[in-house]
Each structure stands twice: as C-alpha cells, then as structure tokens.
Amino acid sequence: MDIDALKKELADLEGGSFTALPDSALSEQIRRLHTGFVIRAPIFPVETRIFRAVKVSERPSNKARVSYPPQQFVTSNGRLNRPGEVMFYGSIGQPFSCLYECAWKIGEFFAVSA
C-alpha cells in the first residue's frame, strides 16, 4: 500500500468509519494496515500513577464513581471497547493531564482520581 492510500485509510478510521464495521472486518483492516510494523506496549513500574477524570455535579461519595464507567453509560465505540463493554481509561503523567480528553467547558466540575 502506498503512503497516500495508507493516510486515507487512517484518516477514514480516525473519522469514525470503524463504527460501521463488524469486528471481523475491522480486525482484518487493522491487520492489513499494521503488516510490517512492530508494535511495542510499554511496561510501567508498579508505582506508576494512573489518573482518571470524570465529570461530576458534586463531590463523589465513593470510589465506584471514579472507577470504571457503569455499563449502561457505555453506548458508543471507544478506543478499545464496543458499546456495553466497560474499559478503564486513564492517563499517565501530570495529575490533571487526564482532563485534556474530557472535552471540558468552563464551569464544569470533574473528580480526578489516581
């Protein structure tokens, strides 16, 4: 595949084209796009802190509120999950780096956990 075709396929996927694909077709497309590439997953030390932010209207009263999202709220595809599949997303870095992905607006409140 030439570089222009690769860029177009990646742009289509980033634009959401993957949401209409069944798992088998998406898996095949990803396999084809990754042929020849080496994928390395980082290994972090046990003491690494992972931060998570959730939008709230008041201070959470228990840790379940800042942990995994309730299954009924997982209604669309995420990076690693399908609707109804619960995944924990977090951020490694500065304590408030997890807010960047929350699409926050002035006046909203978030609980940040580590």
PDB file of N, CA and C in Angstrom:
ATOM      1  N   MET A   1       0.858  -1.175   0.000  1.00  0.00           N
ATOM      2  CA  MET A   1       0.000   0.000   0.000  1.00  0.00           C
ATOM      3  C   MET A   1       0.904   1.239   0.000  1.00  0.00           C
ATOM      4  N   ASP A   2       0.594   2.185  -0.874  1.00  0.00           N
ATOM      5  CA  ASP A   2       1.423   3.388  -0.904  1.00  0.00           C
ATOM      6  C   ASP A   2       1.027   4.333   0.231  1.00  0.00           C
ATOM      7  N   ILE A   3       1.858   5.313   0.477  1.00  0.00           N
ATOM      8  CA  ILE A   3       1.683   6.199   1.638  1.00  0.00           C
ATOM      9  C   ILE A   3       0.380   6.994   1.557  1.00  0.00           C
ATOM     10  N   ASP A   4      -0.033   7.408   0.355  1.00  0.00           N
ATOM     11  CA  ASP A   4      -1.276   8.178   0.230  1.00  0.00           C
ATOM     12  C   ASP A   4      -2.497   7.325   0.556  1.00  0.00           C
ATOM     13  N   ALA A   5      -2.492   6.075   0.109  1.00  0.00           N
ATOM     14  CA  ALA A   5      -3.600   5.164   0.426  1.00  0.00           C
ATOM     15  C   ALA A   5      -3.647   4.890   1.926  1.00  0.00           C
ATOM     16  N   LEU A   6      -2.472   4.716   2.538  1.00  0.00           N
ATOM     17  CA  LEU A   6      -2.393   4.490   3.986  1.00  0.00           C
ATOM     18  C   LEU A   6      -2.938   5.693   4.743  1.00  0.00           C
ATOM     19  N   LYS A   7      -2.536   6.897   4.348  1.00  0.00           N
ATOM     20  CA  LYS A   7      -3.024   8.117   5.005  1.00  0.00           C
ATOM     21  C   LYS A   7      -4.542   8.234   4.895  1.00  0.00           C
ATOM     22  N   LYS A   8      -5.093   7.898   3.714  1.00  0.00           N
ATOM     23  CA  LYS A   8      -6.546   7.983   3.532  1.00  0.00           C
ATOM     24  C   LYS A   8      -7.269   6.982   4.429  1.00  0.00           C
ATOM     25  N   GLU A   9      -6.786   5.749   4.481  1.00  0.00           N
ATOM     26  CA  GLU A   9      -7.430   4.741   5.329  1.00  0.00           C
ATOM     27  C   GLU A   9      -7.369   5.136   6.797  1.00  0.00           C
ATOM     28  N   LEU A  10      -6.221   5.641   7.231  1.00  0.00           N
ATOM     29  CA  LEU A  10      -6.091   6.064   8.624  1.00  0.00           C
ATOM     30  C   LEU A  10      -7.010   7.250   8.929  1.00  0.00           C
ATOM     31  N   ALA A  11      -7.091   8.200   8.002  1.00  0.00           N
ATOM     32  CA  ALA A  11      -7.978   9.357   8.204  1.00  0.00           C
ATOM     33  C   ALA A  11      -9.439   8.902   8.276  1.00  0.00           C
ATOM     34  N   ASP A  12      -9.819   7.948   7.426  1.00  0.00           N
ATOM     35  CA  ASP A  12     -11.187   7.418   7.471  1.00  0.00           C
ATOM     36  C   ASP A  12     -11.477   6.754   8.811  1.00  0.00           C
ATOM     37  N   LEU A  13     -10.532   5.968   9.295  1.00  0.00           N
ATOM     38  CA  LEU A  13     -10.720   5.306  10.589  1.00  0.00           C
ATOM     39  C   LEU A  13     -10.828   6.330  11.710  1.00  0.00           C
ATOM     40  N   GLU A  14      -9.926   7.331  11.700  1.00  0.00           N
ATOM     41  CA  GLU A  14      -9.970   8.366  12.725  1.00  0.00           C
ATOM     42  C   GLU A  14     -11.264   9.166  12.651  1.00  0.00           C
ATOM     43  N   GLY A  15     -11.826   9.268  11.455  1.00  0.00           N
ATOM     44  CA  GLY A  15     -13.083   9.982  11.264  1.00  0.00           C
ATOM     45  C   GLY A  15     -14.305   9.194  11.693  1.00  0.00           C
ATOM     46  N   GLY A  16     -14.107   7.939  12.091  1.00  0.00           N
ATOM     47  CA  GLY A  16     -15.209   7.151  12.624  1.00  0.00           C
ATOM     48  C   GLY A  16     -15.714   6.048  11.725  1.00  0.00           C
ATOM     49  N   SER A  17     -15.052   5.791  10.600  1.00  0.00           N
ATOM     50  CA  SER A  17     -15.536   4.747   9.696  1.00  0.00           C
ATOM     51  C   SER A  17     -15.573   3.374  10.368  1.00  0.00           C
ATOM     52  N   PHE A  18     -14.761   3.192  11.405  1.00  0.00           N
ATOM     53  CA  PHE A  18     -14.705   1.896  12.099  1.00  0.00           C
ATOM     54  C   PHE A  18     -16.012   1.558  12.803  1.00  0.00           C
ATOM     55  N   THR A  19     -16.830   2.549  13.109  1.00  0.00           N
ATOM     56  CA  THR A  19     -18.060   2.276  13.871  1.00  0.00           C
ATOM     57  C   THR A  19     -19.061   1.447  13.078  1.00  0.00           C
ATOM     58  N   ALA A  20     -18.969   1.496  11.750  1.00  0.00           N
ATOM     59  CA  ALA A  20     -19.909   0.743  10.916  1.00  0.00           C
ATOM     60  C   ALA A  20     -19.388  -0.650  10.566  1.00  0.00           C
ATOM     61  N   LEU A  21     -18.152  -0.950  10.955  1.00  0.00           N
ATOM     62  CA  LEU A  21     -17.546  -2.234  10.587  1.00  0.00           C
ATOM     63  C   LEU A  21     -17.826  -3.299  11.639  1.00  0.00           C
ATOM     64  N   PRO A  22     -18.133  -4.510  11.203  1.00  0.00           N
ATOM     65  CA  PRO A  22     -18.197  -5.611  12.172  1.00  0.00           C
ATOM     66  C   PRO A  22     -16.786  -5.917  12.684  1.00  0.00           C
ATOM     67  N   ASP A  23     -16.684  -6.551  13.835  1.00  0.00           N
ATOM     68  CA  ASP A  23     -15.380  -6.832  14.436  1.00  0.00           C
ATOM     69  C   ASP A  23     -14.434  -7.538  13.468  1.00  0.00           C
ATOM     70  N   SER A  24     -14.946  -8.502  12.723  1.00  0.00           N
ATOM     71  CA  SER A  24     -14.078  -9.272  11.825  1.00  0.00           C
ATOM     72  C   SER A  24     -13.483  -8.392  10.725  1.00  0.00           C
ATOM     73  N   ALA A  25     -14.285  -7.495  10.147  1.00  0.00           N
ATOM     74  CA  ALA A  25     -13.782  -6.609   9.096  1.00  0.00           C
ATOM     75  C   ALA A  25     -12.791  -5.597   9.655  1.00  0.00           C
ATOM     76  N   LEU A  26     -13.086  -5.060  10.836  1.00  0.00           N
ATOM     77  CA  LEU A  26     -12.162  -4.114  11.465  1.00  0.00           C
ATOM     78  C   LEU A  26     -10.850  -4.798  11.804  1.00  0.00           C
ATOM     79  N   SER A  27     -10.932  -5.995  12.345  1.00  0.00           N
ATOM     80  CA  SER A  27      -9.726  -6.753  12.681  1.00  0.00           C
ATOM     81  C   SER A  27      -8.873  -6.993  11.432  1.00  0.00           C
ATOM     82  N   GLU A  28      -9.503  -7.354  10.332  1.00  0.00           N
ATOM     83  CA  GLU A  28      -8.768  -7.597   9.089  1.00  0.00           C
ATOM     84  C   GLU A  28      -8.143  -6.303   8.565  1.00  0.00           C
ATOM     85  N   GLN A  29      -8.865  -5.202   8.634  1.00  0.00           N
ATOM     86  CA  GLN A  29      -8.330  -3.922   8.163  1.00  0.00           C
ATOM     87  C   GLN A  29      -7.130  -3.497   9.006  1.00  0.00           C
ATOM     88  N   ILE A  30      -7.233  -3.627  10.296  1.00  0.00           N
ATOM     89  CA  ILE A  30      -6.120  -3.261  11.175  1.00  0.00           C
ATOM     90  C   ILE A  30      -4.920  -4.168  10.924  1.00  0.00           C
ATOM     91  N   ARG A  31      -5.174  -5.455  10.761  1.00  0.00           N
ATOM     92  CA  ARG A  31      -4.091  -6.402  10.472  1.00  0.00           C
ATOM     93  C   ARG A  31      -3.378  -6.000   9.176  1.00  0.00           C
ATOM     94  N   ARG A  32      -4.137  -5.636   8.146  1.00  0.00           N
ATOM     95  CA  ARG A  32      -3.553  -5.235   6.867  1.00  0.00           C
ATOM     96  C   ARG A  32      -2.747  -3.938   7.012  1.00  0.00           C
ATOM     97  N   LEU A  33      -3.266  -2.978   7.777  1.00  0.00           N
ATOM     98  CA  LEU A  33      -2.566  -1.704   7.955  1.00  0.00           C
ATOM     99  C   LEU A  33      -1.286  -1.854   8.774  1.00  0.00           C
ATOM    100  N   HIS A  34      -1.264  -2.820   9.686  1.00  0.00           N
ATOM    101  CA  HIS A  34      -0.109  -2.978  10.562  1.00  0.00           C
ATOM    102  C   HIS A  34       0.936  -3.959  10.046  1.00  0.00           C
ATOM    103  N   THR A  35       0.706  -4.554   8.902  1.00  0.00           N
ATOM    104  CA  THR A  35       1.675  -5.501   8.357  1.00  0.00           C
ATOM    105  C   THR A  35       3.015  -4.799   8.164  1.00  0.00           C
ATOM    106  N   GLY A  36       4.040  -5.381   8.726  1.00  0.00           N
ATOM    107  CA  GLY A  36       5.386  -4.821   8.598  1.00  0.00           C
ATOM    108  C   GLY A  36       5.789  -3.880   9.719  1.00  0.00           C
ATOM    109  N   PHE A  37       4.844  -3.550  10.602  1.00  0.00           N
ATOM    110  CA  PHE A  37       5.162  -2.659  11.720  1.00  0.00           C
ATOM    111  C   PHE A  37       5.350  -3.470  12.987  1.00  0.00           C
ATOM    112  N   VAL A  38       6.214  -2.992  13.849  1.00  0.00           N
ATOM    113  CA  VAL A  38       6.409  -3.609  15.158  1.00  0.00           C
ATOM    114  C   VAL A  38       5.638  -2.770  16.170  1.00  0.00           C
ATOM    115  N   ILE A  39       4.822  -3.428  16.963  1.00  0.00           N
ATOM    116  CA  ILE A  39       4.056  -2.731  17.995  1.00  0.00           C
ATOM    117  C   ILE A  39       4.636  -3.098  19.349  1.00  0.00           C
ATOM    118  N   ARG A  40       5.018  -2.079  20.108  1.00  0.00           N
ATOM    119  CA  ARG A  40       5.558  -2.312  21.444  1.00  0.00           C
ATOM    120  C   ARG A  40       4.651  -1.664  22.468  1.00  0.00           C
ATOM    121  N   ALA A  41       4.197  -2.438  23.409  1.00  0.00           N
ATOM    122  CA  ALA A  41       3.391  -1.906  24.503  1.00  0.00           C
ATOM    123  C   ALA A  41       4.331  -1.589  25.660  1.00  0.00           C
ATOM    124  N   PRO A  42       4.226  -0.398  26.211  1.00  0.00           N
ATOM    125  CA  PRO A  42       5.120  -0.046  27.313  1.00  0.00           C
ATOM    126  C   PRO A  42       4.811  -0.850  28.577  1.00  0.00           C
ATOM    127  N   ILE A  43       5.833  -1.100  29.349  1.00  0.00           N
ATOM    128  CA  ILE A  43       5.682  -1.749  30.651  1.00  0.00           C
ATOM    129  C   ILE A  43       6.057  -0.704  31.689  1.00  0.00           C
ATOM    130  N   PHE A  44       5.110  -0.414  32.578  1.00  0.00           N
ATOM    131  CA  PHE A  44       5.326   0.626  33.572  1.00  0.00           C
ATOM    132  C   PHE A  44       5.626   0.003  34.926  1.00  0.00           C
ATOM    133  N   PRO A  45       6.457   0.670  35.719  1.00  0.00           N
ATOM    134  CA  PRO A  45       6.731   0.174  37.071  1.00  0.00           C
ATOM    135  C   PRO A  45       5.445   0.151  37.905  1.00  0.00           C
ATOM    136  N   VAL A  46       5.413  -0.712  38.894  1.00  0.00           N
ATOM    137  CA  VAL A  46       4.234  -0.871  39.750  1.00  0.00           C
ATOM    138  C   VAL A  46       3.816   0.455  40.391  1.00  0.00           C
ATOM    139  N   GLU A  47       4.756   1.291  40.736  1.00  0.00           N
ATOM    140  CA  GLU A  47       4.424   2.542  41.433  1.00  0.00           C
ATOM    141  C   GLU A  47       3.911   3.646  40.500  1.00  0.00           C
ATOM    142  N   THR A  48       3.783   3.374  39.210  1.00  0.00           N
ATOM    143  CA  THR A  48       3.284   4.371  38.264  1.00  0.00           C
ATOM    144  C   THR A  48       1.855   4.754  38.625  1.00  0.00           C
ATOM    145  N   ARG A  49       1.594   6.044  38.678  1.00  0.00           N
ATOM    146  CA  ARG A  49       0.244   6.523  38.991  1.00  0.00           C
ATOM    147  C   ARG A  49      -0.524   6.738  37.707  1.00  0.00           C
ATOM    148  N   ILE A  50      -1.751   6.253  37.684  1.00  0.00           N
ATOM    149  CA  ILE A  50      -2.644   6.416  36.553  1.00  0.00           C
ATOM    150  C   ILE A  50      -3.785   7.315  37.017  1.00  0.00           C
ATOM    151  N   PHE A  51      -4.040   8.370  36.269  1.00  0.00           N
ATOM    152  CA  PHE A  51      -5.054   9.345  36.651  1.00  0.00           C
ATOM    153  C   PHE A  51      -6.288   9.194  35.771  1.00  0.00           C
ATOM    154  N   ARG A  52      -7.438   9.424  36.380  1.00  0.00           N
ATOM    155  CA  ARG A  52      -8.710   9.360  35.658  1.00  0.00           C
ATOM    156  C   ARG A  52      -9.559  10.539  36.108  1.00  0.00           C
ATOM    157  N   ALA A  53     -10.228  11.158  35.152  1.00  0.00           N
ATOM    158  CA  ALA A  53     -11.131  12.266  35.464  1.00  0.00           C
ATOM    159  C   ALA A  53     -12.538  11.898  35.002  1.00  0.00           C
ATOM    160  N   VAL A  54     -13.516  12.229  35.809  1.00  0.00           N
ATOM    161  CA  VAL A  54     -14.916  12.031  35.439  1.00  0.00           C
ATOM    162  C   VAL A  54     -15.686  13.313  35.739  1.00  0.00           C
ATOM    163  N   LYS A  55     -16.614  13.627  34.848  1.00  0.00           N
ATOM    164  CA  LYS A  55     -17.450  14.812  35.041  1.00  0.00           C
ATOM    165  C   LYS A  55     -18.441  14.525  36.165  1.00  0.00           C
ATOM    166  N   VAL A  56     -18.565  15.464  37.094  1.00  0.00           N
ATOM    167  CA  VAL A  56     -19.458  15.296  38.247  1.00  0.00           C
ATOM    168  C   VAL A  56     -20.223  16.596  38.502  1.00  0.00           C
ATOM    169  N   SER A  57     -21.315  16.473  39.232  1.00  0.00           N
ATOM    170  CA  SER A  57     -22.042  17.669  39.651  1.00  0.00           C
ATOM    171  C   SER A  57     -21.761  17.976  41.122  1.00  0.00           C
ATOM    172  N   GLU A  58     -21.276  16.956  41.858  1.00  0.00           N
ATOM    173  CA  GLU A  58     -20.897  17.145  43.263  1.00  0.00           C
ATOM    174  C   GLU A  58     -19.776  16.162  43.598  1.00  0.00           C
ATOM    175  N   ARG A  59     -19.120  16.390  44.697  1.00  0.00           N
ATOM    176  CA  ARG A  59     -18.003  15.536  45.097  1.00  0.00           C
ATOM    177  C   ARG A  59     -18.473  14.077  45.250  1.00  0.00           C
ATOM    178  N   PRO A  60     -17.774  13.135  44.602  1.00  0.00           N
ATOM    179  CA  PRO A  60     -18.175  11.720  44.713  1.00  0.00           C
ATOM    180  C   PRO A  60     -18.095  11.225  46.153  1.00  0.00           C
ATOM    181  N   SER A  61     -19.023  10.366  46.531  1.00  0.00           N
ATOM    182  CA  SER A  61     -19.046   9.843  47.893  1.00  0.00           C
ATOM    183  C   SER A  61     -18.403   8.458  47.994  1.00  0.00           C
ATOM    184  N   ASN A  62     -18.084   7.843  46.834  1.00  0.00           N
ATOM    185  CA  ASN A  62     -17.435   6.533  46.883  1.00  0.00           C
ATOM    186  C   ASN A  62     -16.552   6.342  45.658  1.00  0.00           C
ATOM    187  N   LYS A  63     -15.619   5.407  45.766  1.00  0.00           N
ATOM    188  CA  LYS A  63     -14.643   5.226  44.686  1.00  0.00           C
ATOM    189  C   LYS A  63     -15.245   4.639  43.417  1.00  0.00           C
ATOM    190  N   ALA A  64     -16.391   3.998  43.503  1.00  0.00           N
ATOM    191  CA  ALA A  64     -17.017   3.441  42.308  1.00  0.00           C
ATOM    192  C   ALA A  64     -17.324   4.543  41.288  1.00  0.00           C
ATOM    193  N   ARG A  65     -17.606   5.743  41.758  1.00  0.00           N
ATOM    194  CA  ARG A  65     -17.951   6.859  40.861  1.00  0.00           C
ATOM    195  C   ARG A  65     -16.765   7.286  39.990  1.00  0.00           C
ATOM    196  N   VAL A  66     -15.537   7.067  40.438  1.00  0.00           N
ATOM    197  CA  VAL A  66     -14.363   7.493  39.671  1.00  0.00           C
ATOM    198  C   VAL A  66     -13.612   6.312  39.071  1.00  0.00           C
ATOM    199  N   SER A  67     -14.179   5.134  39.176  1.00  0.00           N
ATOM    200  CA  SER A  67     -13.543   3.937  38.625  1.00  0.00           C
ATOM    201  C   SER A  67     -14.086   3.673  37.227  1.00  0.00           C
ATOM    202  N   TYR A  68     -14.367   2.436  36.921  1.00  0.00           N
ATOM    203  CA  TYR A  68     -14.905   2.066  35.614  1.00  0.00           C
ATOM    204  C   TYR A  68     -16.269   2.719  35.416  1.00  0.00           C
ATOM    205  N   PRO A  69     -16.594   3.108  34.179  1.00  0.00           N
ATOM    206  CA  PRO A  69     -17.924   3.685  33.963  1.00  0.00           C
ATOM    207  C   PRO A  69     -19.002   2.612  34.075  1.00  0.00           C
ATOM    208  N   PRO A  70     -20.180   2.967  34.554  1.00  0.00           N
ATOM    209  CA  PRO A  70     -21.271   1.994  34.598  1.00  0.00           C
ATOM    210  C   PRO A  70     -21.607   1.513  33.185  1.00  0.00           C
ATOM    211  N   GLN A  71     -21.896   0.243  33.043  1.00  0.00           N
ATOM    212  CA  GLN A  71     -22.122  -0.364  31.728  1.00  0.00           C
ATOM    213  C   GLN A  71     -23.208   0.348  30.927  1.00  0.00           C
ATOM    214  N   GLN A  72     -24.259   0.814  31.588  1.00  0.00           N
ATOM    215  CA  GLN A  72     -25.363   1.446  30.866  1.00  0.00           C
ATOM    216  C   GLN A  72     -24.958   2.771  30.214  1.00  0.00           C
ATOM    217  N   PHE A  73     -23.823   3.360  30.622  1.00  0.00           N
ATOM    218  CA  PHE A  73     -23.367   4.613  30.027  1.00  0.00           C
ATOM    219  C   PHE A  73     -22.390   4.417  28.878  1.00  0.00           C
ATOM    220  N   VAL A  74     -21.984   3.185  28.646  1.00  0.00           N
ATOM    221  CA  VAL A  74     -21.038   2.900  27.561  1.00  0.00           C
ATOM    222  C   VAL A  74     -21.872   2.579  26.322  1.00  0.00           C
ATOM    223  N   THR A  75     -22.214   3.630  25.579  1.00  0.00           N
ATOM    224  CA  THR A  75     -23.161   3.482  24.473  1.00  0.00           C
ATOM    225  C   THR A  75     -22.524   3.605  23.091  1.00  0.00           C
ATOM    226  N   SER A  76     -21.224   3.909  23.031  1.00  0.00           N
ATOM    227  CA  SER A  76     -20.576   4.042  21.729  1.00  0.00           C
ATOM    228  C   SER A  76     -19.201   3.386  21.764  1.00  0.00           C
ATOM    229  N   ASN A  77     -18.622   3.205  20.583  1.00  0.00           N
ATOM    230  CA  ASN A  77     -17.292   2.625  20.492  1.00  0.00           C
ATOM    231  C   ASN A  77     -16.267   3.555  21.127  1.00  0.00           C
ATOM    232  N   GLY A  78     -15.339   2.972  21.852  1.00  0.00           N
ATOM    233  CA  GLY A  78     -14.211   3.709  22.388  1.00  0.00           C
ATOM    234  C   GLY A  78     -12.953   3.247  21.679  1.00  0.00           C
ATOM    235  N   ARG A  79     -11.802   3.589  22.219  1.00  0.00           N
ATOM    236  CA  ARG A  79     -10.549   3.150  21.599  1.00  0.00           C
ATOM    237  C   ARG A  79     -10.405   1.642  21.619  1.00  0.00           C
ATOM    238  N   LEU A  80     -10.852   1.030  22.703  1.00  0.00           N
ATOM    239  CA  LEU A  80     -10.660  -0.413  22.869  1.00  0.00           C
ATOM    240  C   LEU A  80     -11.946  -1.178  23.109  1.00  0.00           C
ATOM    241  N   ASN A  81     -13.052  -0.497  23.165  1.00  0.00           N
ATOM    242  CA  ASN A  81     -14.289  -1.185  23.539  1.00  0.00           C
ATOM    243  C   ASN A  81     -15.420  -0.910  22.567  1.00  0.00           C
ATOM    244  N   ARG A  82     -16.374  -1.807  22.591  1.00  0.00           N
ATOM    245  CA  ARG A  82     -17.622  -1.664  21.850  1.00  0.00           C
ATOM    246  C   ARG A  82     -18.697  -1.187  22.840  1.00  0.00           C
ATOM    247  N   PRO A  83     -19.862  -0.756  22.351  1.00  0.00           N
ATOM    248  CA  PRO A  83     -20.939  -0.365  23.269  1.00  0.00           C
ATOM    249  C   PRO A  83     -21.253  -1.488  24.259  1.00  0.00           C
ATOM    250  N   GLY A  84     -21.390  -1.123  25.525  1.00  0.00           N
ATOM    251  CA  GLY A  84     -21.694  -2.095  26.571  1.00  0.00           C
ATOM    252  C   GLY A  84     -20.472  -2.757  27.173  1.00  0.00           C
ATOM    253  N   GLU A  85     -19.297  -2.605  26.554  1.00  0.00           N
ATOM    254  CA  GLU A  85     -18.055  -3.172  27.104  1.00  0.00           C
ATOM    255  C   GLU A  85     -17.366  -2.106  27.950  1.00  0.00           C
ATOM    256  N   VAL A  86     -17.167  -2.404  29.201  1.00  0.00           N
ATOM    257  CA  VAL A  86     -16.587  -1.444  30.129  1.00  0.00           C
ATOM    258  C   VAL A  86     -15.060  -1.541  30.094  1.00  0.00           C
ATOM    259  N   MET A  87     -14.410  -0.400  29.917  1.00  0.00           N
ATOM    260  CA  MET A  87     -12.947  -0.315  29.934  1.00  0.00           C
ATOM    261  C   MET A  87     -12.541   0.844  30.831  1.00  0.00           C
ATOM    262  N   PHE A  88     -11.381   0.700  31.462  1.00  0.00           N
ATOM    263  CA  PHE A  88     -10.849   1.781  32.281  1.00  0.00           C
ATOM    264  C   PHE A  88      -9.862   2.570  31.431  1.00  0.00           C
ATOM    265  N   TYR A  89     -10.128   3.851  31.239  1.00  0.00           N
ATOM    266  CA  TYR A  89      -9.207   4.724  30.536  1.00  0.00           C
ATOM    267  C   TYR A  89      -8.553   5.628  31.569  1.00  0.00           C
ATOM    268  N   GLY A  90      -7.251   5.763  31.476  1.00  0.00           N
ATOM    269  CA  GLY A  90      -6.531   6.625  32.389  1.00  0.00           C
ATOM    270  C   GLY A  90      -5.398   7.323  31.672  1.00  0.00           C
ATOM    271  N   SER A  91      -4.710   8.179  32.396  1.00  0.00           N
ATOM    272  CA  SER A  91      -3.621   8.965  31.832  1.00  0.00           C
ATOM    273  C   SER A  91      -2.408   8.873  32.746  1.00  0.00           C
ATOM    274  N   ILE A  92      -1.265   8.720  32.140  1.00  0.00           N
ATOM    275  CA  ILE A  92      -0.019   8.691  32.900  1.00  0.00           C
ATOM    276  C   ILE A  92       0.682  10.013  32.650  1.00  0.00           C
ATOM    277  N   GLY A  93       1.091  10.670  33.698  1.00  0.00           N
ATOM    278  CA  GLY A  93       1.753  11.961  33.550  1.00  0.00           C
ATOM    279  C   GLY A  93       1.384  12.855  34.713  1.00  0.00           C
ATOM    280  N   GLN A  94       1.142  14.099  34.394  1.00  0.00           N
ATOM    281  CA  GLN A  94       0.757  15.055  35.420  1.00  0.00           C
ATOM    282  C   GLN A  94      -0.667  14.756  35.897  1.00  0.00           C
ATOM    283  N   PRO A  95      -0.972  15.075  37.154  1.00  0.00           N
ATOM    284  CA  PRO A  95      -2.283  14.740  37.711  1.00  0.00           C
ATOM    285  C   PRO A  95      -3.478  15.225  36.893  1.00  0.00           C
ATOM    286  N   PHE A  96      -3.359  16.351  36.220  1.00  0.00           N
ATOM    287  CA  PHE A  96      -4.516  16.879  35.517  1.00  0.00           C
ATOM    288  C   PHE A  96      -4.461  16.648  34.014  1.00  0.00           C
ATOM    289  N   SER A  97      -3.493  15.846  33.564  1.00  0.00           N
ATOM    290  CA  SER A  97      -3.405  15.549  32.134  1.00  0.00           C
ATOM    291  C   SER A  97      -4.623  14.777  31.649  1.00  0.00           C
ATOM    292  N   CYS A  98      -5.289  14.071  32.547  1.00  0.00           N
ATOM    293  CA  CYS A  98      -6.479  13.300  32.165  1.00  0.00           C
ATOM    294  C   CYS A  98      -7.648  14.209  31.782  1.00  0.00           C
ATOM    295  N   LEU A  99      -7.604  15.471  32.155  1.00  0.00           N
ATOM    296  CA  LEU A  99      -8.691  16.392  31.811  1.00  0.00           C
ATOM    297  C   LEU A  99      -8.691  16.770  30.330  1.00  0.00           C
ATOM    298  N   TYR A 100      -7.547  16.649  29.675  1.00  0.00           N
ATOM    299  CA  TYR A 100      -7.469  17.048  28.272  1.00  0.00           C
ATOM    300  C   TYR A 100      -8.422  16.254  27.390  1.00  0.00           C
ATOM    301  N   GLU A 101      -8.708  15.017  27.744  1.00  0.00           N
ATOM    302  CA  GLU A 101      -9.578  14.182  26.926  1.00  0.00           C
ATOM    303  C   GLU A 101     -11.050  14.286  27.321  1.00  0.00           C
ATOM    304  N   CYS A 102     -11.376  15.110  28.297  1.00  0.00           N
ATOM    305  CA  CYS A 102     -12.751  15.197  28.788  1.00  0.00           C
ATOM    306  C   CYS A 102     -13.596  16.223  28.047  1.00  0.00           C
ATOM    307  N   ALA A 103     -13.027  16.923  27.092  1.00  0.00           N
ATOM    308  CA  ALA A 103     -13.771  17.947  26.349  1.00  0.00           C
ATOM    309  C   ALA A 103     -14.507  18.877  27.317  1.00  0.00           C
ATOM    310  N   TRP A 104     -13.778  19.355  28.306  1.00  0.00           N
ATOM    311  CA  TRP A 104     -14.380  20.160  29.359  1.00  0.00           C
ATOM    312  C   TRP A 104     -14.693  21.575  28.891  1.00  0.00           C
ATOM    313  N   LYS A 105     -15.629  22.174  29.615  1.00  0.00           N
ATOM    314  CA  LYS A 105     -16.013  23.556  29.362  1.00  0.00           C
ATOM    315  C   LYS A 105     -15.921  24.321  30.678  1.00  0.00           C
ATOM    316  N   ILE A 106     -15.726  25.609  30.581  1.00  0.00           N
ATOM    317  CA  ILE A 106     -15.663  26.459  31.771  1.00  0.00           C
ATOM    318  C   ILE A 106     -16.946  26.297  32.574  1.00  0.00           C
ATOM    319  N   GLY A 107     -16.805  26.107  33.866  1.00  0.00           N
ATOM    320  CA  GLY A 107     -17.947  25.945  34.762  1.00  0.00           C
ATOM    321  C   GLY A 107     -18.292  24.504  35.092  1.00  0.00           C
ATOM    322  N   GLU A 108     -17.680  23.544  34.385  1.00  0.00           N
ATOM    323  CA  GLU A 108     -17.937  22.125  34.679  1.00  0.00           C
ATOM    324  C   GLU A 108     -17.020  21.677  35.796  1.00  0.00           C
ATOM    325  N   PHE A 109     -17.433  20.612  36.494  1.00  0.00           N
ATOM    326  CA  PHE A 109     -16.661  20.072  37.592  1.00  0.00           C
ATOM    327  C   PHE A 109     -16.250  18.627  37.274  1.00  0.00           C
ATOM    328  N   PHE A 110     -15.041  18.278  37.701  1.00  0.00           N
ATOM    329  CA  PHE A 110     -14.528  16.933  37.482  1.00  0.00           C
ATOM    330  C   PHE A 110     -13.890  16.409  38.752  1.00  0.00           C
ATOM    331  N   ALA A 111     -14.005  15.113  38.954  1.00  0.00           N
ATOM    332  CA  ALA A 111     -13.286  14.438  40.030  1.00  0.00           C
ATOM    333  C   ALA A 111     -12.091  13.771  39.384  1.00  0.00           C
ATOM    334  N   VAL A 112     -10.913  13.971  39.954  1.00  0.00           N
ATOM    335  CA  VAL A 112      -9.696  13.357  39.429  1.00  0.00           C
ATOM    336  C   VAL A 112      -9.205  12.362  40.463  1.00  0.00           C
ATOM    337  N   SER A 113      -8.996  11.126  40.022  1.00  0.00           N
ATOM    338  CA  SER A 113      -8.512  10.078  40.931  1.00  0.00           C
ATOM    339  C   SER A 113      -7.170   9.557  40.427  1.00  0.00           C
ATOM    340  N   ALA A 114      -6.436   8.918  41.338  1.00  0.00           N
ATOM    341  CA  ALA A 114      -5.141   8.328  40.976  1.00  0.00           C
ATOM    342  C   ALA A 114      -5.129   6.896  41.442  1.00  0.00           C
TER     343      ALA A 114
END
